[in-house]
Protein backbone atom coordinates (compact mmCIF):
# COMPACT_ATOMS: atom_id res chain seq x y z
CA MET A 1 15.35 -6.24 23.72
CA THR A 2 18.02 -7.72 21.01
CA THR A 3 18.91 -6.61 17.89
CA SER A 4 18.32 -9.48 16.09
CA ILE A 5 14.58 -9.33 17.49
CA ILE A 6 13.98 -5.51 17.06
CA ALA A 7 15.36 -6.17 13.37
CA ALA A 8 13.02 -9.13 13.11
CA THR A 9 9.95 -7.05 14.23
CA ILE A 10 10.80 -4.48 11.32
CA ALA A 11 11.29 -6.65 8.56
CA VAL A 12 8.54 -8.99 9.38
CA THR A 13 6.01 -5.56 10.23
CA TYR A 14 6.98 -4.01 7.11
CA GLY A 15 7.21 -7.06 5.05
CA ALA A 16 3.66 -8.07 5.65
CA LEU A 17 2.22 -4.66 5.71
CA PHE A 18 3.49 -4.14 1.99
CA ALA A 19 2.49 -7.43 0.71
CA LEU A 20 -0.98 -6.82 2.01
CA TRP A 21 -0.69 -3.35 0.26
CA LEU A 22 0.21 -4.84 -2.76
CA VAL A 23 -2.93 -7.65 -2.66
CA THR A 24 -5.25 -4.78 -1.55
CA LEU A 25 -4.02 -2.28 -4.07
CA PRO A 26 -6.52 -2.91 -6.98
CA LEU A 27 -9.50 -2.49 -4.47
CA SER A 28 -8.52 0.26 -2.57
CA ARG A 29 -7.84 2.04 -5.79
CA HIS A 30 -11.64 1.20 -7.14
CA PHE A 31 -12.87 2.13 -3.43
CA PHE A 32 -10.91 5.48 -3.55
CA TYR A 33 -11.53 6.78 -7.15
CA LYS A 34 -15.41 5.66 -6.81
CA ASN A 35 -15.68 7.35 -3.13
CA ALA A 36 -13.18 10.48 -3.13
CA GLN A 37 -14.31 13.83 -2.89
CA VAL A 38 -13.70 15.89 -5.89
CA LEU A 39 -12.22 19.60 -5.56
CA GLU A 40 -12.77 21.49 -8.69
CA PRO A 41 -10.77 24.38 -8.77
CA ARG A 42 -12.61 27.64 -8.83
CA PRO A 43 -12.76 29.45 -12.09
CA GLU A 44 -11.75 33.10 -10.82
CA PRO A 45 -7.90 34.11 -9.94
CA SER A 46 -7.02 32.97 -6.80
CA PRO A 47 -3.70 34.08 -5.38
CA ALA A 48 -0.78 31.60 -5.63
CA PRO A 49 0.54 29.91 -2.75
CA ARG A 50 3.22 31.39 -0.74
CA ARG A 51 6.80 30.36 -1.78
CA LYS A 52 8.12 27.50 -0.13
CA GLN A 53 10.94 27.77 2.12
CA TRP A 54 13.76 25.62 2.02
CA TRP A 55 13.67 24.97 5.83
CA ILE A 56 9.97 23.37 5.86
CA GLY A 57 10.98 20.77 2.99
CA ALA A 58 14.33 19.97 5.29
CA GLY A 59 12.76 19.75 8.22
CA THR A 60 9.74 17.70 6.96
CA LEU A 61 12.64 15.31 5.45
CA TRP A 62 14.63 15.50 8.25
CA VAL A 63 11.85 13.55 10.29
CA PHE A 64 11.22 10.77 8.01
CA LEU A 65 14.77 9.97 7.56
CA ALA A 66 15.67 10.12 11.45
CA ASN A 67 12.96 7.16 11.30
CA ILE A 68 14.62 5.51 8.27
CA ALA A 69 17.69 5.91 9.43
CA THR A 70 17.16 4.02 13.02
CA MET A 71 15.59 1.27 11.26
CA ALA A 72 18.04 0.63 8.55
CA MET A 73 20.86 0.60 11.22
CA PHE A 74 19.01 -2.08 12.76
CA LEU A 75 18.63 -4.12 9.91
CA LEU A 76 22.02 -3.69 8.86
CA ALA A 77 23.43 -4.82 11.88
CA ALA A 78 21.27 -7.67 12.08
CA PHE A 79 21.70 -9.17 8.54
CA LEU A 80 25.40 -7.82 7.21
CA PRO A 81 28.37 -8.68 8.78
CA GLY A 82 30.38 -5.87 10.15
CA TRP A 83 27.42 -3.77 11.23
CA GLU A 84 26.97 -5.75 14.62
CA ASP A 85 28.29 -3.32 16.76
CA LEU A 86 26.54 -0.03 15.42
CA PRO A 87 23.39 0.09 17.61
CA ALA A 88 25.02 -0.41 20.84
CA ARG A 89 26.86 3.06 20.28
CA VAL A 90 23.31 4.73 19.93
CA ARG A 91 21.38 3.09 22.38
CA THR A 92 20.66 3.74 26.13
CA SER A 93 19.24 0.96 28.39
CA LEU A 94 15.40 1.19 28.59
CA PRO A 95 13.21 -1.30 30.80
CA ALA A 96 11.76 -4.60 28.81
CA GLU A 97 8.50 -3.27 29.72
CA VAL A 98 8.80 0.20 27.92
CA GLN A 99 10.58 -1.63 25.32
CA ALA A 100 7.58 -4.03 24.75
CA ILE A 101 5.21 -1.31 24.48
CA GLY A 102 7.12 0.54 21.84
CA ALA A 103 7.29 -2.72 19.89
CA ILE A 104 3.11 -2.76 19.84
CA LEU A 105 2.89 1.04 19.38
CA PHE A 106 5.15 0.33 16.65
CA MET A 107 3.47 -2.56 14.75
CA GLY A 108 0.27 -0.05 15.53
CA ASN A 109 2.20 2.77 13.84
CA GLY A 110 2.66 0.52 10.98
CA ILE A 111 -0.74 -0.34 10.19
CA TRP A 112 -1.71 2.85 10.80
CA GLY A 113 0.68 3.90 7.85
CA TRP A 114 -0.92 0.88 5.79
CA LEU A 115 -4.22 2.19 6.14
CA VAL A 116 -3.21 5.77 4.97
CA LEU A 117 -1.93 3.95 1.91
CA VAL A 118 -4.97 2.14 1.27
CA PHE A 119 -7.31 4.88 1.86
CA ASN A 120 -5.31 7.21 -0.39
CA PRO A 121 -3.71 5.60 -2.92
CA GLY A 122 -3.93 8.49 -5.45
CA TYR A 123 -2.03 10.87 -3.41
CA THR A 124 -0.23 13.57 -5.07
CA PRO A 125 1.95 16.55 -4.44
CA PHE A 126 0.00 19.72 -2.77
CA PHE A 127 1.71 21.61 -5.55
CA GLN A 128 0.27 20.52 -8.28
CA LYS A 129 -1.37 22.56 -10.77
CA LYS A 130 -4.60 24.31 -9.89
CA ASN A 131 -6.23 23.46 -13.17
CA ARG A 132 -5.85 19.88 -12.42
CA ARG A 133 -8.75 17.53 -10.82
CA ILE A 134 -8.03 17.22 -6.77
CA LEU A 135 -9.02 14.12 -5.38
CA LEU A 136 -9.22 14.31 -1.79
CA ALA A 137 -9.09 11.29 0.46
CA THR A 138 -11.71 11.50 3.11
CA GLN A 139 -12.39 7.84 4.59
CA GLY A 140 -10.27 5.65 7.07
CA PRO A 141 -7.35 7.76 8.90
CA TYR A 142 -8.42 10.68 6.66
CA ALA A 143 -12.00 10.63 8.01
CA VAL A 144 -10.46 12.10 11.60
CA ILE A 145 -7.05 13.60 10.76
CA ARG A 146 -6.45 15.84 7.65
CA HIS A 147 -2.40 14.68 7.58
CA PRO A 148 -2.33 10.91 8.84
CA ARG A 149 0.84 10.62 7.07
CA TYR A 150 2.52 13.44 8.86
CA ALA A 151 1.19 12.43 12.51
CA SER A 152 2.50 8.90 11.78
CA GLU A 153 6.03 9.91 10.98
CA ALA A 154 6.20 12.41 13.80
CA SER A 155 4.90 9.93 16.54
CA LEU A 156 7.19 7.43 15.44
CA ASN A 157 10.48 9.69 16.12
CA ILE A 158 8.96 8.67 19.90
CA ILE A 159 8.20 5.36 19.34
CA LEU A 160 11.09 4.11 17.69
CA PHE A 161 13.13 5.32 20.57
CA LEU A 162 10.89 3.48 22.76
CA PHE A 163 10.87 0.09 20.85
CA THR A 164 14.89 0.15 20.21
CA GLY A 165 16.38 2.48 22.98
CA ALA A 166 18.31 4.24 20.22
CA TRP A 167 18.24 8.23 20.56
CA ILE A 168 18.43 8.73 16.83
CA PRO A 169 14.79 8.91 15.90
CA LEU A 170 14.35 11.40 18.67
CA LEU A 171 16.55 13.56 16.47
CA GLY A 172 13.24 13.92 14.15
CA VAL A 173 11.36 16.08 16.92
CA LEU A 174 13.49 18.66 15.79
CA GLY A 175 11.67 18.85 12.32
CA TRP A 176 8.09 18.85 14.00
CA ALA A 177 7.84 22.70 13.38
CA ALA A 178 8.56 22.07 9.54
CA ILE A 179 5.81 19.46 9.88
CA ARG A 180 3.20 21.53 10.76
CA ALA A 181 4.22 24.42 8.52
CA GLN A 182 4.07 21.88 5.67
CA ALA A 183 0.65 20.73 6.77
CA ILE A 184 -0.65 24.42 6.68
CA ARG A 185 0.57 24.97 3.38
CA GLU A 186 -1.00 22.29 1.80
CA GLU A 187 -4.29 23.35 3.45
CA GLU A 188 -3.80 26.45 2.14
CA PHE A 189 -3.19 25.62 -1.31
CA LEU A 190 -6.60 23.24 -1.02
CA LEU A 191 -8.29 26.49 0.37
CA SER A 192 -7.52 28.64 -2.17
CA ALA A 193 -8.23 25.67 -4.87
CA ALA A 194 -11.58 24.57 -3.33
CA PRO A 195 -12.60 26.85 -0.43
CA GLU A 196 -16.04 25.61 0.27
CA THR A 197 -15.63 22.31 0.16
CA TYR A 198 -12.03 22.28 1.74
CA SER A 199 -13.49 24.28 4.54
CA ARG A 200 -16.39 21.65 5.36
CA TYR A 201 -13.25 19.21 5.85
CA ILE A 202 -11.59 21.15 7.78
CA GLY A 203 -14.49 21.54 10.32
CA ARG A 204 -14.94 18.00 11.01
CA THR A 205 -11.41 17.11 10.96
CA GLY A 206 -7.97 17.97 13.20
CA ARG A 207 -5.03 18.54 11.64
CA PHE A 208 -3.10 16.10 13.68
CA LEU A 209 -5.36 14.75 15.99
CA PRO A 210 -9.04 14.22 15.96
CA ARG A 211 -11.05 17.32 16.53
CA TRP A 212 -13.07 16.94 19.94
CA LYS A 213 -15.66 19.63 20.76
CA PHE A 214 -13.82 20.44 23.82
CA ARG A 215 -10.41 20.92 21.90
CA LYS A 216 -9.30 23.49 20.10
CA GLU A 217 -7.62 23.21 16.72
CA ALA A 218 -3.98 22.19 17.08
């Protein structure tokens, strides 16, 4: 698969989904604020979240940057003079069938990411003050897993390799442990803020994969 085809697929996929997100944003916000589950922080004092370790934030960012750098490289190579040869330096030869599957998975991953934004337009950082009302997204992707955004970015490390043949996104795998640690810390915060409500949510969802009766928590 040529650099131009890869770049065009990336540009069209994300361009179309971004435009669709802008169009649906008013409706998704209305739906979210009407149906989101409210976590009211418990009035009694609760333990403060553990102090965030630098490697968790850095590792989480690393996962995202590996994907961003790979896509930016192909876009620059396709549309800016002087960058044409860059992808060839980091690509390995993969069968056309593998890259075709990777392209399909890439587009599916993009749609999943769009759904995450649609069903959680009110996303706020987990470390917000506890005296503020917390809105919990429980629809769409959030109905089956608690961290669909992290799951999407982690899986994209593999999908981009299959799609482009470039090994750069595989470096993001080095940050998967940080992604897991970040997710656990967010859950600890929400459990301390609203233990009963969030415990029920944990009971019916998986962390990164759907919860099946025969499968233990990831």
